[in-house]
Protein backbone atom coordinates (compact mmCIF):
# COMPACT_ATOMS: atom_id res chain seq x y z
CA MET A 1 -58.46 -83.91 25.31
CA SER A 2 -56.14 -86.48 22.86
CA GLY A 3 -55.18 -84.52 19.38
CA PRO A 4 -55.59 -85.69 15.82
CA THR A 5 -54.64 -88.75 14.65
CA ILE A 6 -52.64 -89.86 11.63
CA TYR A 7 -53.22 -93.88 10.92
CA VAL A 8 -50.31 -94.90 8.59
CA LEU A 9 -50.95 -97.70 6.72
CA SER A 10 -48.44 -100.33 4.69
CA ASP A 11 -48.69 -103.44 3.34
CA SER A 12 -44.91 -103.44 4.04
CA LEU A 13 -43.30 -101.74 6.95
CA GLY A 14 -44.96 -98.20 7.08
CA GLU A 15 -41.45 -96.27 7.38
CA THR A 16 -41.98 -94.34 4.00
CA ALA A 17 -45.18 -93.20 4.97
CA GLU A 18 -44.65 -92.83 8.46
CA ALA A 19 -41.38 -90.27 7.54
CA VAL A 20 -43.84 -88.07 5.54
CA SER A 21 -46.61 -87.97 8.21
CA LYS A 22 -43.89 -86.88 10.36
CA ALA A 23 -42.82 -83.92 8.34
CA ALA A 24 -46.20 -83.01 7.58
CA ALA A 25 -46.91 -83.07 11.31
CA SER A 26 -44.08 -80.92 12.51
CA GLN A 27 -45.57 -77.73 10.57
CA PHE A 28 -48.18 -77.87 13.30
CA GLU A 29 -48.19 -76.30 16.82
CA GLU A 30 -50.69 -79.19 18.18
CA GLU A 31 -49.17 -82.39 18.64
CA PHE A 32 -50.75 -85.24 16.36
CA LYS A 33 -50.53 -89.22 16.79
CA ILE A 34 -49.06 -91.20 14.41
CA VAL A 35 -50.24 -95.24 14.67
CA LYS A 36 -48.43 -97.09 12.44
CA VAL A 37 -50.57 -100.17 10.99
CA PRO A 38 -47.85 -102.66 8.87
CA LYS A 39 -48.41 -105.57 6.99
CA ILE A 40 -52.08 -104.59 5.68
CA SER A 41 -52.94 -107.92 4.21
CA ASP A 42 -56.28 -108.19 3.04
CA GLU A 43 -59.62 -106.19 3.39
CA GLU A 44 -60.44 -107.02 7.18
CA ASP A 45 -57.36 -104.95 8.29
CA ILE A 46 -58.56 -102.08 6.56
CA LYS A 47 -62.15 -102.29 7.73
CA ARG A 48 -60.68 -102.19 11.18
CA VAL A 49 -58.79 -99.31 11.22
CA VAL A 50 -61.35 -97.44 9.58
CA GLU A 51 -63.77 -98.27 12.03
CA LYS A 52 -61.59 -97.09 14.52
CA ALA A 53 -60.91 -94.03 12.69
CA ARG A 54 -64.67 -93.14 11.86
CA GLY A 55 -66.33 -89.78 13.37
CA LYS A 56 -62.74 -88.53 14.96
CA ASP A 57 -59.96 -86.38 13.66
CA CYS A 58 -58.42 -89.06 12.14
CA VAL A 59 -56.44 -89.19 8.60
CA LEU A 60 -55.27 -92.08 6.59
CA PHE A 61 -51.81 -92.26 4.76
CA TYR A 62 -50.89 -94.82 3.00
CA THR A 63 -48.15 -97.00 0.95
CA LEU A 64 -50.25 -100.08 -0.70
CA VAL A 65 -48.98 -101.94 -3.30
CA ARG A 66 -51.43 -104.09 -4.48
CA PRO A 67 -54.46 -102.17 -6.28
CA ASN A 68 -57.07 -104.04 -4.99
CA LEU A 69 -56.56 -103.07 -1.38
CA ARG A 70 -55.82 -99.25 -2.67
CA LYS A 71 -59.32 -98.87 -4.30
CA PHE A 72 -60.84 -100.66 -1.34
CA LEU A 73 -59.40 -98.31 1.28
CA LYS A 74 -60.28 -95.47 -0.88
CA GLU A 75 -63.67 -96.73 -0.81
CA GLN A 76 -64.07 -97.15 2.96
CA ALA A 77 -62.33 -94.19 3.71
CA ASP A 78 -64.66 -92.31 1.35
CA GLU A 79 -67.77 -93.54 2.71
CA ALA A 80 -66.90 -92.73 6.29
CA SER A 81 -65.73 -89.08 4.88
CA ILE A 82 -62.30 -89.67 6.58
CA PRO A 83 -59.47 -87.74 4.49
CA ARG A 84 -56.71 -90.23 3.04
CA LEU A 85 -53.61 -89.78 1.45
CA ASP A 86 -52.07 -91.92 -1.12
CA ILE A 87 -48.22 -91.89 -1.31
CA LEU A 88 -47.46 -94.36 -3.65
CA SER A 89 -49.28 -95.06 -6.26
CA PRO A 90 -49.23 -91.43 -8.04
CA ALA A 91 -45.54 -91.70 -8.17
CA ILE A 92 -46.04 -95.66 -9.84
CA GLU A 93 -48.31 -94.06 -12.13
CA ALA A 94 -46.07 -91.38 -12.72
CA LEU A 95 -43.46 -94.19 -14.04
CA ILE A 96 -45.77 -95.65 -15.95
CA THR A 97 -45.99 -92.92 -18.12
CA ILE A 98 -42.20 -93.14 -18.93
CA SER A 99 -40.96 -96.59 -18.33
CA LYS A 100 -40.96 -99.22 -21.34
CA THR A 101 -41.80 -102.16 -18.26
CA SER A 102 -44.60 -102.66 -16.23
CA PRO A 103 -44.56 -102.43 -12.36
CA ARG A 104 -44.12 -105.26 -10.02
CA LEU A 105 -46.77 -104.30 -8.03
CA GLU A 106 -44.49 -106.68 -5.21
CA VAL A 107 -45.08 -105.95 -1.93
CA GLY A 108 -41.72 -104.82 0.09
CA ALA A 109 -39.69 -104.91 -3.62
CA GLY A 110 -37.95 -101.45 -2.25
CA ARG A 111 -36.30 -103.09 0.73
CA ARG A 112 -34.58 -105.34 -2.18
CA VAL A 113 -32.46 -102.31 -3.34
CA ASN A 114 -31.14 -102.30 0.04
CA ARG A 115 -28.54 -99.19 -0.50
CA ASP A 116 -30.88 -97.16 -2.51
CA TYR A 117 -33.84 -97.88 0.08
CA PHE A 118 -32.20 -97.55 3.22
CA HIS A 119 -30.32 -93.96 1.89
CA ARG A 120 -33.70 -92.64 1.21
CA ILE A 121 -34.88 -93.45 4.18
CA GLU A 122 -31.95 -91.72 6.00
CA ALA A 123 -32.28 -88.64 3.93
CA LEU A 124 -36.12 -88.97 4.82
CA ASN A 125 -34.88 -88.57 8.50
CA PHE A 126 -32.28 -85.73 7.70
CA ALA A 127 -34.87 -83.72 6.33
CA VAL A 128 -37.12 -84.16 9.39
CA LYS A 129 -34.43 -83.50 11.76
CA HIS A 130 -33.84 -80.39 9.96
CA ASP A 131 -36.77 -78.90 9.24
CA ASP A 132 -37.57 -75.43 10.13
CA GLY A 133 -34.20 -74.96 11.26
CA ARG A 134 -33.88 -77.63 13.34
CA ASN A 135 -30.02 -78.57 14.29
CA VAL A 136 -28.26 -76.33 12.70
CA ARG A 137 -25.17 -77.88 13.95
CA ASP A 138 -25.38 -80.28 11.74
CA LEU A 139 -25.28 -78.38 8.49
CA LYS A 140 -22.42 -79.30 6.89
CA LYS A 141 -23.91 -82.84 6.32
CA ALA A 142 -26.52 -81.34 4.22
CA ASP A 143 -26.61 -81.83 0.51
CA ILE A 144 -28.74 -78.71 0.04
CA VAL A 145 -29.66 -76.37 2.56
CA LEU A 146 -33.16 -74.48 1.66
CA ILE A 147 -34.00 -70.82 2.97
CA GLY A 148 -36.63 -68.48 2.33
CA VAL A 149 -39.57 -66.92 4.97
CA SER A 150 -42.49 -68.80 5.67
CA ARG A 151 -44.87 -69.95 2.79
CA THR A 152 -42.43 -70.81 0.40
CA SER A 153 -42.75 -74.62 0.21
CA LYS A 154 -39.47 -75.34 2.19
CA THR A 155 -40.54 -78.35 4.19
CA PRO A 156 -42.51 -79.99 1.20
CA LEU A 157 -39.57 -79.21 -0.99
CA ALA A 158 -36.48 -80.72 1.63
CA MET A 159 -39.28 -84.16 1.60
CA TYR A 160 -39.61 -84.28 -2.45
CA LEU A 161 -35.60 -83.71 -2.61
CA ALA A 162 -35.35 -86.49 0.30
CA TYR A 163 -37.30 -88.88 -1.63
CA ARG A 164 -34.79 -88.22 -4.25
CA GLY A 165 -31.70 -89.46 -1.88
CA LEU A 166 -30.44 -85.73 -1.09
CA LYS A 167 -30.08 -84.97 2.81
CA VAL A 168 -31.92 -81.45 2.79
CA ALA A 169 -32.44 -78.94 5.76
CA ASN A 170 -34.51 -75.88 5.75
CA ILE A 171 -33.87 -72.33 7.39
CA PRO A 172 -36.78 -70.06 7.68
CA ILE A 173 -35.61 -66.23 7.21
CA VAL A 174 -37.21 -63.97 9.54
CA PRO A 175 -36.84 -60.01 9.68
CA GLY A 176 -34.76 -58.57 12.22
CA ILE A 177 -33.27 -62.20 13.20
CA GLU A 178 -30.08 -63.19 11.84
CA PRO A 179 -29.73 -66.56 10.17
CA PRO A 180 -27.36 -68.88 12.49
CA ARG A 181 -23.85 -68.83 11.92
CA GLU A 182 -23.57 -72.39 10.52
CA LEU A 183 -25.51 -71.51 7.45
CA PHE A 184 -22.50 -68.64 6.61
CA GLU A 185 -20.00 -71.58 7.01
CA ILE A 186 -20.86 -73.86 4.24
CA SER A 187 -20.73 -73.38 1.17
CA PRO A 188 -23.08 -70.93 -0.81
CA GLU A 189 -23.52 -73.67 -3.69
CA LYS A 190 -25.02 -75.87 -1.18
CA ILE A 191 -27.92 -73.43 -0.42
CA VAL A 192 -30.89 -72.38 -2.46
CA GLY A 193 -32.78 -69.39 -1.51
CA LEU A 194 -36.43 -69.21 -2.53
CA THR A 195 -38.21 -66.49 -3.05
CA ILE A 196 -42.05 -65.32 -3.75
CA ASP A 197 -43.89 -62.83 -5.40
CA ALA A 198 -45.95 -60.73 -2.17
CA ASP A 199 -48.78 -60.68 -4.02
CA PHE A 200 -48.97 -64.63 -4.15
CA LEU A 201 -47.44 -65.08 -1.01
CA ILE A 202 -50.64 -62.75 0.67
CA SER A 203 -53.01 -65.31 -1.07
CA VAL A 204 -51.14 -68.43 0.48
CA ARG A 205 -50.80 -67.07 3.64
CA GLU A 206 -54.63 -66.06 3.65
CA ARG A 207 -55.68 -69.39 2.64
CA ARG A 208 -53.41 -71.01 5.48
CA LEU A 209 -55.22 -68.45 8.12
CA GLY A 210 -58.36 -69.58 6.88
CA SER A 211 -58.10 -73.05 7.24
CA LEU A 212 -56.82 -72.44 10.90
CA GLY A 213 -59.79 -69.99 11.55
CA SER A 214 -56.92 -67.29 12.72
CA PRO A 215 -57.70 -63.66 11.97
CA ARG A 216 -55.52 -61.57 9.63
CA ASN A 217 -52.63 -60.17 11.16
CA GLY A 218 -49.26 -58.95 10.28
CA TYR A 219 -48.49 -62.19 8.64
CA VAL A 220 -50.86 -61.39 5.71
CA GLU A 221 -50.27 -57.49 5.40
CA LYS A 222 -48.47 -56.31 2.43
CA ARG A 223 -46.25 -54.03 3.83
CA ASP A 224 -44.90 -56.55 6.77
CA ILE A 225 -44.32 -59.07 3.99
CA LEU A 226 -42.61 -56.98 1.59
CA ARG A 227 -40.35 -56.30 4.19
CA GLU A 228 -39.92 -60.12 4.83
CA ILE A 229 -39.36 -60.93 1.17
CA ASP A 230 -36.68 -58.12 0.62
CA TYR A 231 -35.02 -59.11 3.97
CA ALA A 232 -34.57 -62.55 2.87
CA GLU A 233 -33.29 -61.36 -0.93
CA SER A 234 -30.93 -59.22 1.08
CA ILE A 235 -29.73 -62.42 2.87
CA MET A 236 -29.16 -64.52 -0.52
CA ARG A 237 -27.21 -62.05 -2.07
CA ARG A 238 -24.88 -61.76 1.12
CA MET A 239 -24.43 -65.61 0.44
CA GLY A 240 -24.47 -65.82 -2.98
CA CYS A 241 -26.59 -68.90 -3.43
CA THR A 242 -28.67 -69.93 -5.81
CA VAL A 243 -32.35 -67.98 -5.70
CA ILE A 244 -35.46 -69.62 -7.34
CA ASN A 245 -38.76 -67.87 -7.42
CA VAL A 246 -41.60 -70.40 -6.72
CA THR A 247 -44.57 -67.95 -7.31
CA HIS A 248 -47.08 -70.27 -8.95
CA ARG A 249 -44.69 -73.45 -9.26
CA ALA A 250 -45.43 -76.79 -8.24
CA VAL A 251 -42.83 -78.38 -5.86
CA GLU A 252 -41.88 -80.74 -8.69
CA GLU A 253 -40.83 -77.79 -10.98
CA THR A 254 -38.99 -76.32 -8.33
CA ALA A 255 -37.34 -79.48 -7.43
CA SER A 256 -36.34 -80.10 -10.97
CA GLU A 257 -34.84 -77.19 -11.34
CA ILE A 258 -32.55 -77.76 -8.48
CA LEU A 259 -31.82 -81.37 -9.46
CA ARG A 260 -30.62 -79.76 -12.63
CA HIS A 261 -28.19 -77.53 -10.85
CA TYR A 262 -27.15 -80.02 -8.55
CA SER A 263 -26.58 -82.75 -11.45
């Protein structure tokens, strides 16, 4: 039986949406099929994808510049009860609030800024390949290394910072398991420890278990969580790294603090 499918739609090449989908999928043990559909040019292209996804375990990730195509995809996906994620337009809308000019809404415009564009793609690929403690031998190549217990937003934070062109790795801290020696071989100025209040972490993890239909276990027991946090904070003190408490903080807030620290 095939696993759930992520359709990646774009009126350009779809590389950004594909990178985000891979990073998100890497957080799950089951395998996701990623189907990239680039060069979306009209409503018929969108209809074909929606019909393929209708009634199946699918989600649509998309970067569509043209407002009419975004609106049409939203309507079609909602009518078919297909989950969707618009990756590009929230960023454009945020920029509109601070920009003195209007967006060009030009397909593929990002590729004209060749150096910055490919630098971000490289950073996104780095974040994907170095997510959740993978490829620690390359830690010296990272601009920032995030550490913390499970569910402290390490992966979404790494992806957000990668969009800003930073190469970010993240490493989970687990009680009783010594962090990789490579972590101690890099400058503590590169390392950011993410800590969190125990009660808030319990609520985050309970929601996660609920979404998976899993029973309660030590993952959400306060005694075990306090031990996790104490152990992680002891590692952070040992390294002498910057520590940020992410309790009740949006990813953007934490990212802004990190960027201020590294600017």
